[in-house]
């Protein structure tokens, strides 16, 4: 089996596992951090795609009623496509962005997972963008055709694409449902980490 086929297989297994986690109301990879969701930006679109697949499956079933073998194959393909669609939405729900004391984990479903140390973040801001042009050193994690948070990094971090190609990223744009809250939390943690430690109380003089 080729490397690409193995990558696709692992991705589909993650999607299936995400459906189970979604049904169990559990989330993946939160640990001691705080999860920030992003799935609301694509829920309506996913529902629309699912509706189209169901209608298309019904219509093709009627058209192919005189060809049962082809009808069964077509039906299985529709079920598989619908399963992948549900898996992608489930992965977006159960794999949120994660903010911990030492890092920010930017994710999108089961195919983007970028861990950024907080000390490498130079600037963070709330910024709504609906157009994105591919540029070297930039990563746009778009949800519902938009991003709402922009990170400028003090030094590049390594990001591996879906098929394993390594990229060095200096600027990250991504979407979060609570973008204001996420930006506020990142700034608060960075400020707390950079604040000087309080001076110890002076040791009183011992009596002679």
Protein backbone atom coordinates (compact mmCIF):
# COMPACT_ATOMS: atom_id res chain seq x y z
CA UNK A 1 0.00 0.00 0.00
CA UNK A 2 1.37 3.40 -0.99
CA UNK A 3 2.04 6.20 1.48
CA UNK A 4 -0.85 8.26 0.06
CA UNK A 5 -3.27 5.35 0.45
CA UNK A 6 -2.17 4.85 4.07
CA UNK A 7 -2.66 8.56 4.77
CA UNK A 8 -6.18 8.44 3.31
CA UNK A 9 -6.99 5.30 5.30
CA UNK A 10 -5.81 6.86 8.58
CA UNK A 11 -7.84 9.97 7.83
CA UNK A 12 -11.02 7.97 7.20
CA UNK A 13 -10.47 5.97 10.40
CA UNK A 14 -10.19 9.25 12.34
CA UNK A 15 -13.47 10.38 10.80
CA UNK A 16 -15.20 7.16 11.86
CA UNK A 17 -13.73 7.50 15.37
CA UNK A 18 -14.96 11.10 15.48
CA UNK A 19 -18.54 9.94 14.80
CA UNK A 20 -18.29 7.65 17.82
CA UNK A 21 -16.89 10.45 19.99
CA UNK A 22 -19.62 12.80 18.78
CA UNK A 23 -22.33 10.26 19.64
CA UNK A 24 -20.71 9.77 23.07
CA UNK A 25 -20.50 13.58 23.60
CA UNK A 26 -16.76 13.37 24.12
CA UNK A 27 -13.95 15.53 22.75
CA UNK A 28 -10.49 14.61 21.56
CA UNK A 29 -7.17 16.04 22.73
CA UNK A 30 -8.38 18.61 25.27
CA UNK A 31 -6.40 17.37 28.27
CA UNK A 32 -6.03 20.16 30.81
CA UNK A 33 -6.58 22.91 28.24
CA UNK A 34 -9.63 24.85 27.07
CA UNK A 35 -11.43 23.93 23.86
CA UNK A 36 -12.64 26.59 21.42
CA UNK A 37 -15.07 25.31 18.81
CA UNK A 38 -15.33 26.33 15.17
CA UNK A 39 -18.01 24.03 13.75
CA UNK A 40 -20.90 26.53 13.82
CA UNK A 41 -19.39 28.23 10.79
CA UNK A 42 -19.95 25.18 8.61
CA UNK A 43 -22.98 23.42 10.12
CA UNK A 44 -25.52 24.83 7.65
CA UNK A 45 -23.30 24.04 4.68
CA UNK A 46 -22.78 20.45 5.84
CA UNK A 47 -26.52 20.01 6.33
CA UNK A 48 -27.11 21.28 2.81
CA UNK A 49 -24.59 18.84 1.33
CA UNK A 50 -26.18 15.97 3.24
CA UNK A 51 -29.64 16.90 1.98
CA UNK A 52 -28.38 16.97 -1.62
CA UNK A 53 -26.80 13.51 -1.23
CA UNK A 54 -30.02 12.03 0.16
CA UNK A 55 -32.18 13.52 -2.64
CA UNK A 56 -29.67 12.41 -5.29
CA UNK A 57 -29.64 8.88 -3.86
CA UNK A 58 -33.45 8.65 -4.00
CA UNK A 59 -33.58 9.93 -7.57
CA UNK A 60 -30.86 7.57 -8.79
CA UNK A 61 -32.57 4.66 -7.04
CA UNK A 62 -35.71 5.36 -9.07
CA UNK A 63 -33.80 5.84 -12.34
CA UNK A 64 -31.82 2.61 -11.84
CA UNK A 65 -34.71 0.46 -10.63
CA UNK A 66 -34.37 -1.77 -13.69
CA UNK A 67 -30.65 -2.26 -13.07
CA UNK A 68 -30.46 -3.66 -9.52
CA UNK A 69 -26.71 -4.38 -9.58
CA UNK A 70 -25.85 -0.80 -10.59
CA UNK A 71 -28.48 0.51 -8.17
CA UNK A 72 -26.84 -1.28 -5.24
CA UNK A 73 -23.37 -0.01 -6.17
CA UNK A 74 -24.65 3.54 -6.51
CA UNK A 75 -26.48 3.30 -3.18
CA UNK A 76 -23.32 2.07 -1.41
CA UNK A 77 -21.34 4.96 -2.87
CA UNK A 78 -23.94 7.43 -1.59
CA UNK A 79 -23.90 5.86 1.87
CA UNK A 80 -20.10 6.04 1.93
CA UNK A 81 -20.13 9.70 0.85
CA UNK A 82 -22.73 10.56 3.47
CA UNK A 83 -20.69 8.76 6.14
CA UNK A 84 -17.60 10.77 5.24
CA UNK A 85 -19.61 14.00 5.34
CA UNK A 86 -20.99 13.19 8.79
CA UNK A 87 -17.48 12.20 9.89
CA UNK A 88 -16.04 15.53 8.76
CA UNK A 89 -18.62 17.47 10.72
CA UNK A 90 -18.22 15.20 13.75
CA UNK A 91 -14.44 15.67 13.63
CA UNK A 92 -14.93 19.44 13.58
CA UNK A 93 -17.09 19.21 16.70
CA UNK A 94 -14.96 16.79 18.75
CA UNK A 95 -11.56 18.22 17.71
CA UNK A 96 -11.73 21.92 18.68
CA UNK A 97 -8.84 24.34 18.95
CA UNK A 98 -7.09 23.86 22.30
CA UNK A 99 -5.50 26.59 24.40
CA UNK A 100 -3.19 25.39 27.18
CA UNK A 101 -0.71 27.19 29.41
CA UNK A 102 2.15 26.52 27.03
CA UNK A 103 0.68 26.15 23.54
CA UNK A 104 -2.20 26.79 21.16
CA UNK A 105 -3.37 23.87 19.08
CA UNK A 106 -5.06 25.00 15.85
CA UNK A 107 -7.17 22.28 14.27
CA UNK A 108 -9.64 21.62 11.48
CA UNK A 109 -11.54 18.33 11.56
CA UNK A 110 -9.08 15.43 11.25
CA UNK A 111 -6.63 16.86 8.72
CA UNK A 112 -5.13 20.02 10.29
CA UNK A 113 -3.44 19.94 13.69
CA UNK A 114 -0.83 22.65 14.29
CA UNK A 115 0.73 23.09 17.74
CA UNK A 116 2.07 26.61 18.34
CA UNK A 117 4.10 27.40 21.50
CA UNK A 118 2.71 30.56 23.08
CA UNK A 119 6.18 32.11 23.35
CA UNK A 120 6.37 32.09 19.54
CA UNK A 121 3.26 34.24 19.15
CA UNK A 122 4.32 37.84 18.51
CA UNK A 123 0.85 39.30 17.89
CA UNK A 124 -2.71 37.98 18.05
CA UNK A 125 -5.82 39.84 16.94
CA UNK A 126 -9.47 39.41 16.07
CA UNK A 127 -9.67 39.86 12.31
CA UNK A 128 -12.50 38.79 10.03
CA UNK A 129 -11.34 37.81 6.55
CA UNK A 130 -13.44 36.27 3.80
CA UNK A 131 -10.82 36.20 1.03
CA UNK A 132 -7.56 34.30 1.27
CA UNK A 133 -4.74 34.11 -1.24
CA UNK A 134 -2.16 31.40 -0.83
CA UNK A 135 1.23 32.82 0.19
CA UNK A 136 4.50 31.30 1.29
CA UNK A 137 4.81 31.09 5.06
CA UNK A 138 1.09 31.60 5.66
CA UNK A 139 -1.54 29.07 6.73
CA UNK A 140 -5.25 29.78 6.30
CA UNK A 141 -7.47 27.35 8.21
CA UNK A 142 -10.74 28.47 6.64
CA UNK A 143 -14.16 27.44 7.97
CA UNK A 144 -17.29 28.53 6.13
CA UNK A 145 -15.19 30.71 3.78
CA UNK A 146 -13.89 32.85 6.66
CA UNK A 147 -11.21 33.25 9.30
CA UNK A 148 -11.63 35.35 12.43
CA UNK A 149 -8.29 35.14 14.30
CA UNK A 150 -4.84 36.10 13.01
CA UNK A 151 -1.56 35.04 14.63
CA UNK A 152 1.78 36.59 13.72
CA UNK A 153 4.66 34.43 14.89
CA UNK A 154 8.03 35.61 16.14
CA UNK A 155 9.67 32.61 14.46
CA UNK A 156 8.33 29.96 12.10
CA UNK A 157 6.76 26.69 13.20
CA UNK A 158 6.71 23.49 11.18
CA UNK A 159 3.42 22.44 9.64
CA UNK A 160 2.86 19.21 7.74
CA UNK A 161 0.20 19.21 5.05
CA UNK A 162 -2.38 16.46 4.68
CA UNK A 163 -0.02 14.43 2.48
CA UNK A 164 3.04 15.08 4.65
CA UNK A 165 4.75 18.01 2.93
CA UNK A 166 6.64 20.20 5.42
CA UNK A 167 5.99 23.95 5.46
CA UNK A 168 7.42 26.69 7.67
CA UNK A 169 4.65 28.98 8.88
CA UNK A 170 5.02 32.55 10.18
CA UNK A 171 1.39 33.69 9.97
CA UNK A 172 -1.75 31.70 10.81
CA UNK A 173 -5.35 32.64 10.18
CA UNK A 174 -8.16 30.48 11.49
CA UNK A 175 -11.77 30.61 12.60
CA UNK A 176 -13.17 30.26 16.11
CA UNK A 177 -16.81 30.58 17.09
CA UNK A 178 -15.74 32.67 20.11
CA UNK A 179 -12.90 34.54 18.46
CA UNK A 180 -12.99 37.43 20.95
CA UNK A 181 -12.79 35.06 23.91
CA UNK A 182 -9.92 33.09 22.41
CA UNK A 183 -7.89 36.22 21.63
CA UNK A 184 -8.54 37.54 25.12
CA UNK A 185 -7.42 34.27 26.74
CA UNK A 186 -4.22 34.08 24.65
CA UNK A 187 -3.30 37.65 25.60
CA UNK A 188 -4.04 36.99 29.28
CA UNK A 189 -1.85 33.87 29.40
CA UNK A 190 1.01 35.56 27.54
CA UNK A 191 0.81 38.58 29.84
CA UNK A 192 0.84 36.39 32.93
CA UNK A 193 3.84 34.44 31.64
CA UNK A 194 5.81 37.61 30.87
CA UNK A 195 5.02 39.41 34.14
CA UNK A 196 8.02 39.70 36.49
CA UNK A 197 8.03 37.47 39.53
CA UNK A 198 7.28 39.30 42.80
CA UNK A 199 10.28 40.03 44.97
CA UNK A 200 10.57 37.85 48.06
CA UNK A 201 9.85 39.41 51.43
CA UNK A 202 12.99 40.69 53.15
CA UNK A 203 14.43 38.43 55.81
CA UNK A 204 14.12 40.15 59.20
CA UNK A 205 17.31 40.82 61.13
CA UNK A 206 17.98 38.29 63.79
CA UNK A 207 18.50 39.63 67.32
CA UNK A 208 22.11 39.77 68.44
